[in-house]
Amino acid sequence: MKAAEKVVLVTGAARRVGAVIARELAARGCHLGLHYRRSRQEAEALAAELRREHGIEVELLAGDLSEPNTPQRLVQQVIDRFARLDGLVNNASLYRPAPFAELRPEDWQLMEQIHVRAPLFLSQAAWPHLREQRGAIVNIGDIHGEIPLRGYLPYSVSKAGLLALTRSLAKELGPELRVNSVSPGVVLWAESQDPPDGDRAGLLARTALKREGEPADIARTVAWLLFDAPYVTGQNIVVDGGRMVY
């Protein structure tokens, strides 16, 4: 499907990779539903930028994805505004250490809610509308869904769950919908945190391209999966500069 005039819902869109995905889709002419949790000022500034520079329509969607009713409400807000939905990008994520000896049930519960439950029920709520448009879903995973990160067990396991969800949804929702995921490597360092698996220079040395990527690398892959990959579904596209080779 061509991008112009399509409507895409992006979760976690106010900052970092989510904001870059929103800019890429806006540049292609998409109208956007941009979800945020707490970053209201950043979301409002981004919406104003996208309207000004690309002439698109933007609906801002506030909500806590750990709350069970949020997915249905967000999708309904998009439908109320645009009367259609062509794409869903499940980008919202929570990156937080959880040392094994100190692991609590609530640590697991929150990661599962954000990385598995919310994408599942957003997909379920969006499905009837996406089906009408022969649309697509893209989930944003992580290479640590395949190579677990020590000290981040709930994060790694829940991201692995998101990859399994991607494959399961592709089977459940085909042939009308395509569902894929993108797993970034180092494209944006965690805020105020050094890598838990070594220093930055050492981590890049264990990457085939010997450099970090950019959020735009992820955004372009998301756009490709949404609009230019009509025979690709159930796949996880790893964008890591060759990190997983090591």
C-alpha atoms as a PDB file:
ATOM      1  CA  MET A   1       0.000   0.000   0.000  1.00  0.00           C
ATOM      2  CA  LYS A   2       1.184   3.534  -0.728  1.00  0.00           C
ATOM      3  CA  ALA A   3       1.936   5.708   2.280  1.00  0.00           C
ATOM      4  CA  ALA A   4       0.263   9.006   1.336  1.00  0.00           C
ATOM      5  CA  GLU A   5      -2.979   9.664   3.204  1.00  0.00           C
ATOM      6  CA  LYS A   6      -2.684   6.438   5.193  1.00  0.00           C
ATOM      7  CA  VAL A   7      -3.351   6.532   8.939  1.00  0.00           C
ATOM      8  CA  VAL A   8      -0.840   4.935  11.316  1.00  0.00           C
ATOM      9  CA  LEU A   9      -0.954   4.612  15.099  1.00  0.00           C
ATOM     10  CA  VAL A  10       2.487   4.698  16.762  1.00  0.00           C
ATOM     11  CA  THR A  11       2.868   3.967  20.477  1.00  0.00           C
ATOM     12  CA  GLY A  12       5.620   5.561  22.536  1.00  0.00           C
ATOM     13  CA  ALA A  13       5.970   8.179  19.818  1.00  0.00           C
ATOM     14  CA  ALA A  14       6.948  11.342  21.698  1.00  0.00           C
ATOM     15  CA  ARG A  15      10.676  10.710  22.070  1.00  0.00           C
ATOM     16  CA  ARG A  16      13.732   8.809  20.854  1.00  0.00           C
ATOM     17  CA  VAL A  17      13.128   6.091  18.254  1.00  0.00           C
ATOM     18  CA  GLY A  18       9.356   6.535  18.346  1.00  0.00           C
ATOM     19  CA  ALA A  19       9.625  10.202  17.381  1.00  0.00           C
ATOM     20  CA  VAL A  20      11.963   9.349  14.487  1.00  0.00           C
ATOM     21  CA  ILE A  21       9.505   6.718  13.239  1.00  0.00           C
ATOM     22  CA  ALA A  22       6.765   9.357  13.384  1.00  0.00           C
ATOM     23  CA  ARG A  23       8.903  11.794  11.359  1.00  0.00           C
ATOM     24  CA  GLU A  24       9.640   9.156   8.711  1.00  0.00           C
ATOM     25  CA  LEU A  25       5.968   8.277   8.326  1.00  0.00           C
ATOM     26  CA  ALA A  26       4.944  11.937   8.243  1.00  0.00           C
ATOM     27  CA  ALA A  27       7.506  12.620   5.512  1.00  0.00           C
ATOM     28  CA  ARG A  28       5.800   9.902   3.460  1.00  0.00           C
ATOM     29  CA  GLY A  29       2.422  11.629   3.862  1.00  0.00           C
ATOM     30  CA  CYS A  30       0.842   9.535   6.612  1.00  0.00           C
ATOM     31  CA  HIS A  31      -1.635  10.970   9.073  1.00  0.00           C
ATOM     32  CA  LEU A  32      -0.695   9.871  12.574  1.00  0.00           C
ATOM     33  CA  GLY A  33      -2.077   8.872  15.931  1.00  0.00           C
ATOM     34  CA  LEU A  34       0.819   9.511  18.309  1.00  0.00           C
ATOM     35  CA  HIS A  35       0.647   7.837  21.699  1.00  0.00           C
ATOM     36  CA  TYR A  36       2.578   8.983  24.749  1.00  0.00           C
ATOM     37  CA  ARG A  37       2.421   8.265  28.456  1.00  0.00           C
ATOM     38  CA  ARG A  38       4.073  11.151  30.326  1.00  0.00           C
ATOM     39  CA  SER A  39       5.953  13.111  27.656  1.00  0.00           C
ATOM     40  CA  ARG A  40       3.144  15.548  26.883  1.00  0.00           C
ATOM     41  CA  GLN A  41       5.322  18.546  26.041  1.00  0.00           C
ATOM     42  CA  GLU A  42       7.519  16.526  23.703  1.00  0.00           C
ATOM     43  CA  ALA A  43       4.446  14.990  22.036  1.00  0.00           C
ATOM     44  CA  GLU A  44       2.826  18.384  21.498  1.00  0.00           C
ATOM     45  CA  ALA A  45       6.045  19.836  20.069  1.00  0.00           C
ATOM     46  CA  LEU A  46       6.453  16.864  17.726  1.00  0.00           C
ATOM     47  CA  ALA A  47       2.851  17.112  16.542  1.00  0.00           C
ATOM     48  CA  ALA A  48       3.266  20.816  15.805  1.00  0.00           C
ATOM     49  CA  GLU A  49       6.478  20.110  13.879  1.00  0.00           C
ATOM     50  CA  LEU A  50       4.883  17.384  11.761  1.00  0.00           C
ATOM     51  CA  ARG A  51       1.803  19.452  10.952  1.00  0.00           C
ATOM     52  CA  ARG A  52       3.955  22.443  10.004  1.00  0.00           C
ATOM     53  CA  GLU A  53       6.564  20.635   7.923  1.00  0.00           C
ATOM     54  CA  HIS A  54       4.436  17.959   6.244  1.00  0.00           C
ATOM     55  CA  GLY A  55       0.867  19.260   6.292  1.00  0.00           C
ATOM     56  CA  ILE A  56      -0.481  16.087   7.866  1.00  0.00           C
ATOM     57  CA  GLU A  57      -3.094  15.571  10.557  1.00  0.00           C
ATOM     58  CA  VAL A  58      -1.982  14.360  13.982  1.00  0.00           C
ATOM     59  CA  GLU A  59      -4.059  13.044  16.869  1.00  0.00           C
ATOM     60  CA  LEU A  60      -2.282  12.928  20.244  1.00  0.00           C
ATOM     61  CA  LEU A  61      -3.164   9.947  22.420  1.00  0.00           C
ATOM     62  CA  ALA A  62      -2.277   9.912  26.116  1.00  0.00           C
ATOM     63  CA  GLY A  63      -2.392   6.661  28.024  1.00  0.00           C
ATOM     64  CA  ASP A  64      -0.686   4.138  30.295  1.00  0.00           C
ATOM     65  CA  LEU A  65      -0.340   0.889  28.363  1.00  0.00           C
ATOM     66  CA  SER A  66      -0.094  -1.107  31.586  1.00  0.00           C
ATOM     67  CA  GLU A  67      -3.804  -0.367  32.130  1.00  0.00           C
ATOM     68  CA  PRO A  68      -6.054  -2.991  30.488  1.00  0.00           C
ATOM     69  CA  ASN A  69      -8.525  -0.574  28.892  1.00  0.00           C
ATOM     70  CA  THR A  70      -5.942   1.656  27.208  1.00  0.00           C
ATOM     71  CA  PRO A  71      -5.463  -0.290  23.929  1.00  0.00           C
ATOM     72  CA  GLN A  72      -9.143  -0.245  22.993  1.00  0.00           C
ATOM     73  CA  ARG A  73      -9.458   3.431  23.903  1.00  0.00           C
ATOM     74  CA  LEU A  74      -6.446   4.488  21.823  1.00  0.00           C
ATOM     75  CA  VAL A  75      -7.662   2.683  18.728  1.00  0.00           C
ATOM     76  CA  GLN A  76     -11.149   4.121  19.136  1.00  0.00           C
ATOM     77  CA  GLN A  77      -9.725   7.637  19.392  1.00  0.00           C
ATOM     78  CA  VAL A  78      -7.914   7.141  16.081  1.00  0.00           C
ATOM     79  CA  ILE A  79     -11.067   5.821  14.409  1.00  0.00           C
ATOM     80  CA  ASP A  80     -13.143   8.682  15.807  1.00  0.00           C
ATOM     81  CA  ARG A  81     -10.666  11.179  14.341  1.00  0.00           C
ATOM     82  CA  PHE A  82      -9.763   9.593  11.005  1.00  0.00           C
ATOM     83  CA  ALA A  83     -12.479   6.954  10.371  1.00  0.00           C
ATOM     84  CA  ARG A  84      -9.791   4.490   9.243  1.00  0.00           C
ATOM     85  CA  LEU A  85      -6.569   2.793  10.338  1.00  0.00           C
ATOM     86  CA  ASP A  86      -3.927   1.447   7.939  1.00  0.00           C
ATOM     87  CA  GLY A  87      -0.967   0.657  10.194  1.00  0.00           C
ATOM     88  CA  LEU A  88      -0.031  -0.016  13.805  1.00  0.00           C
ATOM     89  CA  VAL A  89       3.507   0.366  15.170  1.00  0.00           C
ATOM     90  CA  ASN A  90       3.911  -1.127  18.643  1.00  0.00           C
ATOM     91  CA  ASN A  91       6.974   0.847  19.673  1.00  0.00           C
ATOM     92  CA  ALA A  92       6.353   1.664  23.355  1.00  0.00           C
ATOM     93  CA  SER A  93       8.992   0.049  25.547  1.00  0.00           C
ATOM     94  CA  LEU A  94      10.402   0.038  29.051  1.00  0.00           C
ATOM     95  CA  TYR A  95      14.114  -0.639  29.565  1.00  0.00           C
ATOM     96  CA  ARG A  96      14.943  -1.288  33.213  1.00  0.00           C
ATOM     97  CA  PRO A  97      17.459  -3.543  34.998  1.00  0.00           C
ATOM     98  CA  ALA A  98      16.219  -6.285  37.314  1.00  0.00           C
ATOM     99  CA  PRO A  99      19.045  -8.165  39.095  1.00  0.00           C
ATOM    100  CA  PHE A 100      18.019 -11.794  39.466  1.00  0.00           C
ATOM    101  CA  ALA A 101      18.528 -11.958  43.240  1.00  0.00           C
ATOM    102  CA  GLU A 102      16.259  -8.946  43.706  1.00  0.00           C
ATOM    103  CA  LEU A 103      13.626  -9.892  41.134  1.00  0.00           C
ATOM    104  CA  ARG A 104      10.024  -9.235  42.185  1.00  0.00           C
ATOM    105  CA  PRO A 105       6.747 -10.384  40.573  1.00  0.00           C
ATOM    106  CA  GLU A 106       5.857  -6.801  39.767  1.00  0.00           C
ATOM    107  CA  ASP A 107       9.091  -6.406  37.774  1.00  0.00           C
ATOM    108  CA  TRP A 108       7.987  -9.195  35.462  1.00  0.00           C
ATOM    109  CA  GLN A 109       4.362  -8.081  35.388  1.00  0.00           C
ATOM    110  CA  LEU A 110       5.163  -4.576  34.183  1.00  0.00           C
ATOM    111  CA  MET A 111       7.486  -5.751  31.411  1.00  0.00           C
ATOM    112  CA  GLU A 112       4.932  -8.302  30.232  1.00  0.00           C
ATOM    113  CA  GLN A 113       2.187  -5.682  30.255  1.00  0.00           C
ATOM    114  CA  ILE A 114       4.145  -3.208  28.108  1.00  0.00           C
ATOM    115  CA  HIS A 115       5.934  -5.581  25.734  1.00  0.00           C
ATOM    116  CA  VAL A 116       3.423  -8.408  25.254  1.00  0.00           C
ATOM    117  CA  ARG A 117      -0.056  -7.674  26.581  1.00  0.00           C
ATOM    118  CA  ALA A 118      -0.408  -4.147  25.239  1.00  0.00           C
ATOM    119  CA  PRO A 119       0.784  -5.026  21.695  1.00  0.00           C
ATOM    120  CA  LEU A 120      -1.537  -8.050  21.697  1.00  0.00           C
ATOM    121  CA  PHE A 121      -4.645  -6.133  22.666  1.00  0.00           C
ATOM    122  CA  LEU A 122      -3.772  -3.114  20.554  1.00  0.00           C
ATOM    123  CA  SER A 123      -3.547  -5.521  17.628  1.00  0.00           C
ATOM    124  CA  GLN A 124      -6.874  -7.076  18.563  1.00  0.00           C
ATOM    125  CA  ALA A 125      -8.571  -3.671  18.815  1.00  0.00           C
ATOM    126  CA  ALA A 126      -7.003  -2.487  15.554  1.00  0.00           C
ATOM    127  CA  TRP A 127      -7.609  -5.712  13.622  1.00  0.00           C
ATOM    128  CA  PRO A 128     -11.133  -5.010  12.236  1.00  0.00           C
ATOM    129  CA  HIS A 129     -10.048  -1.595  10.968  1.00  0.00           C
ATOM    130  CA  LEU A 130      -6.702  -2.747   9.592  1.00  0.00           C
ATOM    131  CA  ARG A 131      -8.403  -5.649   7.836  1.00  0.00           C
ATOM    132  CA  GLU A 132     -10.635  -3.240   5.920  1.00  0.00           C
ATOM    133  CA  GLN A 133      -7.539  -1.483   4.548  1.00  0.00           C
ATOM    134  CA  ARG A 134      -5.357  -4.597   4.109  1.00  0.00           C
ATOM    135  CA  GLY A 135      -3.005  -2.925   6.546  1.00  0.00           C
ATOM    136  CA  ALA A 136       0.008  -4.027   8.550  1.00  0.00           C
ATOM    137  CA  ILE A 137       1.418  -4.231  12.073  1.00  0.00           C
ATOM    138  CA  VAL A 138       5.061  -3.685  12.987  1.00  0.00           C
ATOM    139  CA  ASN A 139       6.353  -4.495  16.474  1.00  0.00           C
ATOM    140  CA  ILE A 140       9.615  -3.013  17.754  1.00  0.00           C
ATOM    141  CA  GLY A 141      11.601  -5.749  19.424  1.00  0.00           C
ATOM    142  CA  ASP A 142      15.237  -5.878  20.504  1.00  0.00           C
ATOM    143  CA  ILE A 143      18.190  -8.116  19.707  1.00  0.00           C
ATOM    144  CA  HIS A 144      18.071  -9.087  23.388  1.00  0.00           C
ATOM    145  CA  GLY A 145      14.837 -10.890  22.666  1.00  0.00           C
ATOM    146  CA  GLU A 146      17.127 -13.433  20.985  1.00  0.00           C
ATOM    147  CA  ILE A 147      20.357 -12.878  22.940  1.00  0.00           C
ATOM    148  CA  PRO A 148      19.324 -12.282  26.591  1.00  0.00           C
ATOM    149  CA  LEU A 149      20.987  -9.418  28.435  1.00  0.00           C
ATOM    150  CA  ARG A 150      22.376 -10.336  31.852  1.00  0.00           C
ATOM    151  CA  GLY A 151      20.679  -8.397  34.635  1.00  0.00           C
ATOM    152  CA  TYR A 152      17.659  -7.618  32.443  1.00  0.00           C
ATOM    153  CA  LEU A 153      15.777 -10.917  32.583  1.00  0.00           C
ATOM    154  CA  PRO A 154      12.170  -9.575  32.515  1.00  0.00           C
ATOM    155  CA  TYR A 155      13.089  -7.174  29.713  1.00  0.00           C
ATOM    156  CA  SER A 156      14.810  -9.856  27.613  1.00  0.00           C
ATOM    157  CA  VAL A 157      12.123 -12.492  28.137  1.00  0.00           C
ATOM    158  CA  SER A 158       9.259 -10.089  27.435  1.00  0.00           C
ATOM    159  CA  LYS A 159      10.943  -8.928  24.227  1.00  0.00           C
ATOM    160  CA  ALA A 160      11.311 -12.602  23.251  1.00  0.00           C
ATOM    161  CA  GLY A 161       7.590 -12.871  23.912  1.00  0.00           C
ATOM    162  CA  LEU A 162       6.987  -9.976  21.536  1.00  0.00           C
ATOM    163  CA  LEU A 163       8.856 -11.822  18.781  1.00  0.00           C
ATOM    164  CA  ALA A 164       6.714 -14.910  19.403  1.00  0.00           C
ATOM    165  CA  LEU A 165       3.631 -12.696  19.362  1.00  0.00           C
ATOM    166  CA  THR A 166       4.694 -11.331  15.974  1.00  0.00           C
ATOM    167  CA  ARG A 167       4.873 -14.781  14.435  1.00  0.00           C
ATOM    168  CA  SER A 168       1.622 -15.872  16.072  1.00  0.00           C
ATOM    169  CA  LEU A 169      -0.264 -12.787  14.907  1.00  0.00           C
ATOM    170  CA  ALA A 170       1.027 -13.244  11.370  1.00  0.00           C
ATOM    171  CA  LYS A 171      -0.546 -16.688  11.342  1.00  0.00           C
ATOM    172  CA  GLU A 172      -3.753 -15.607  13.080  1.00  0.00           C
ATOM    173  CA  LEU A 173      -4.398 -12.481  11.007  1.00  0.00           C
ATOM    174  CA  GLY A 174      -3.237 -13.542   7.552  1.00  0.00           C
ATOM    175  CA  PRO A 175      -4.012 -13.306   4.733  1.00  0.00           C
ATOM    176  CA  GLU A 176      -5.696  -9.938   5.321  1.00  0.00           C
ATOM    177  CA  LEU A 177      -2.956  -8.479   7.524  1.00  0.00           C
ATOM    178  CA  ARG A 178       0.813  -8.678   7.583  1.00  0.00           C
ATOM    179  CA  VAL A 179       2.635  -8.646  10.929  1.00  0.00           C
ATOM    180  CA  ASN A 180       6.395  -8.231  11.326  1.00  0.00           C
ATOM    181  CA  SER A 181       8.905  -6.954  13.850  1.00  0.00           C
ATOM    182  CA  VAL A 182      12.126  -4.953  13.832  1.00  0.00           C
ATOM    183  CA  SER A 183      14.872  -5.692  16.367  1.00  0.00           C
ATOM    184  CA  PRO A 184      17.371  -2.854  16.819  1.00  0.00           C
ATOM    185  CA  GLY A 185      20.912  -3.236  18.033  1.00  0.00           C
ATOM    186  CA  VAL A 186      22.815  -0.133  19.126  1.00  0.00           C
ATOM    187  CA  VAL A 187      20.983   2.728  17.435  1.00  0.00           C
ATOM    188  CA  LEU A 188      20.565   4.976  20.475  1.00  0.00           C
ATOM    189  CA  TRP A 189      22.338   4.542  23.794  1.00  0.00           C
ATOM    190  CA  ALA A 190      20.168   4.179  26.884  1.00  0.00           C
ATOM    191  CA  GLU A 191      19.802   7.452  28.744  1.00  0.00           C
ATOM    192  CA  SER A 192      22.146   7.840  31.732  1.00  0.00           C
ATOM    193  CA  GLN A 193      23.256   4.211  31.507  1.00  0.00           C
ATOM    194  CA  ASP A 194      26.419   2.562  30.299  1.00  0.00           C
ATOM    195  CA  PRO A 195      25.893  -0.740  28.482  1.00  0.00           C
ATOM    196  CA  PRO A 196      25.509  -3.547  31.045  1.00  0.00           C
ATOM    197  CA  ASP A 197      27.521  -5.911  28.840  1.00  0.00           C
ATOM    198  CA  GLY A 198      30.670  -3.774  28.491  1.00  0.00           C
ATOM    199  CA  ASP A 199      31.753  -0.253  27.659  1.00  0.00           C
ATOM    200  CA  ARG A 200      30.543   1.457  24.499  1.00  0.00           C
ATOM    201  CA  ALA A 201      33.782   1.110  22.592  1.00  0.00           C
ATOM    202  CA  GLY A 202      34.027  -2.580  23.432  1.00  0.00           C
ATOM    203  CA  LEU A 203      30.435  -3.178  22.415  1.00  0.00           C
ATOM    204  CA  LEU A 204      30.947  -1.526  19.035  1.00  0.00           C
ATOM    205  CA  ALA A 205      34.129  -3.548  18.546  1.00  0.00           C
ATOM    206  CA  ARG A 206      31.907  -6.650  18.730  1.00  0.00           C
ATOM    207  CA  THR A 207      29.724  -5.333  15.903  1.00  0.00           C
ATOM    208  CA  ALA A 208      30.530  -6.187  12.291  1.00  0.00           C
ATOM    209  CA  LEU A 209      30.207  -2.587  11.058  1.00  0.00           C
ATOM    210  CA  LYS A 210      32.203  -1.231  14.064  1.00  0.00           C
ATOM    211  CA  ARG A 211      29.807   1.658  14.624  1.00  0.00           C
ATOM    212  CA  GLU A 212      26.435   2.469  16.109  1.00  0.00           C
ATOM    213  CA  GLY A 213      23.403   2.907  13.935  1.00  0.00           C
ATOM    214  CA  GLU A 214      20.829   5.670  13.908  1.00  0.00           C
ATOM    215  CA  PRO A 215      17.128   5.715  14.820  1.00  0.00           C
ATOM    216  CA  ALA A 216      16.493   6.558  11.161  1.00  0.00           C
ATOM    217  CA  ASP A 217      17.724   3.045  10.286  1.00  0.00           C
ATOM    218  CA  ILE A 218      14.845   1.646  12.336  1.00  0.00           C
ATOM    219  CA  ALA A 219      12.329   4.155  11.004  1.00  0.00           C
ATOM    220  CA  ARG A 220      13.109   3.343   7.369  1.00  0.00           C
ATOM    221  CA  THR A 221      12.772  -0.382   8.073  1.00  0.00           C
ATOM    222  CA  VAL A 222       9.401   0.180   9.748  1.00  0.00           C
ATOM    223  CA  ALA A 223       8.176   2.189   6.759  1.00  0.00           C
ATOM    224  CA  TRP A 224       9.401  -0.508   4.365  1.00  0.00           C
ATOM    225  CA  LEU A 225       7.520  -3.212   6.268  1.00  0.00           C
ATOM    226  CA  LEU A 226       4.359  -1.108   6.371  1.00  0.00           C
ATOM    227  CA  PHE A 227       4.273  -0.032   2.740  1.00  0.00           C
ATOM    228  CA  ASP A 228       6.820  -1.773   0.522  1.00  0.00           C
ATOM    229  CA  ALA A 229       6.953  -5.415   1.605  1.00  0.00           C
ATOM    230  CA  PRO A 230       3.676  -6.976   0.433  1.00  0.00           C
ATOM    231  CA  TYR A 231       4.983 -10.548   0.598  1.00  0.00           C
ATOM    232  CA  VAL A 232       6.752 -10.296   3.970  1.00  0.00           C
ATOM    233  CA  THR A 233       4.963 -11.410   7.126  1.00  0.00           C
ATOM    234  CA  GLY A 234       5.877 -13.226  10.334  1.00  0.00           C
ATOM    235  CA  GLN A 235       9.467 -11.979  10.087  1.00  0.00           C
ATOM    236  CA  ASN A 236      11.830 -10.267  12.500  1.00  0.00           C
ATOM    237  CA  ILE A 237      14.185  -7.854  10.730  1.00  0.00           C
ATOM    238  CA  VAL A 238      17.369  -7.380  12.766  1.00  0.00           C
ATOM    239  CA  VAL A 239      18.931  -3.923  12.337  1.00  0.00           C
ATOM    240  CA  ASP A 240      22.092  -4.191  14.401  1.00  0.00           C
ATOM    241  CA  GLY A 241      25.112  -3.536  12.163  1.00  0.00           C
ATOM    242  CA  GLY A 242      26.112  -7.174  12.585  1.00  0.00           C
ATOM    243  CA  ARG A 243      26.038  -7.266  16.388  1.00  0.00           C
ATOM    244  CA  MET A 244      24.404 -10.697  16.436  1.00  0.00           C
ATOM    245  CA  VAL A 245      27.223 -12.104  14.284  1.00  0.00           C
ATOM    246  CA  TYR A 246      29.343 -11.968  17.442  1.00  0.00           C
END
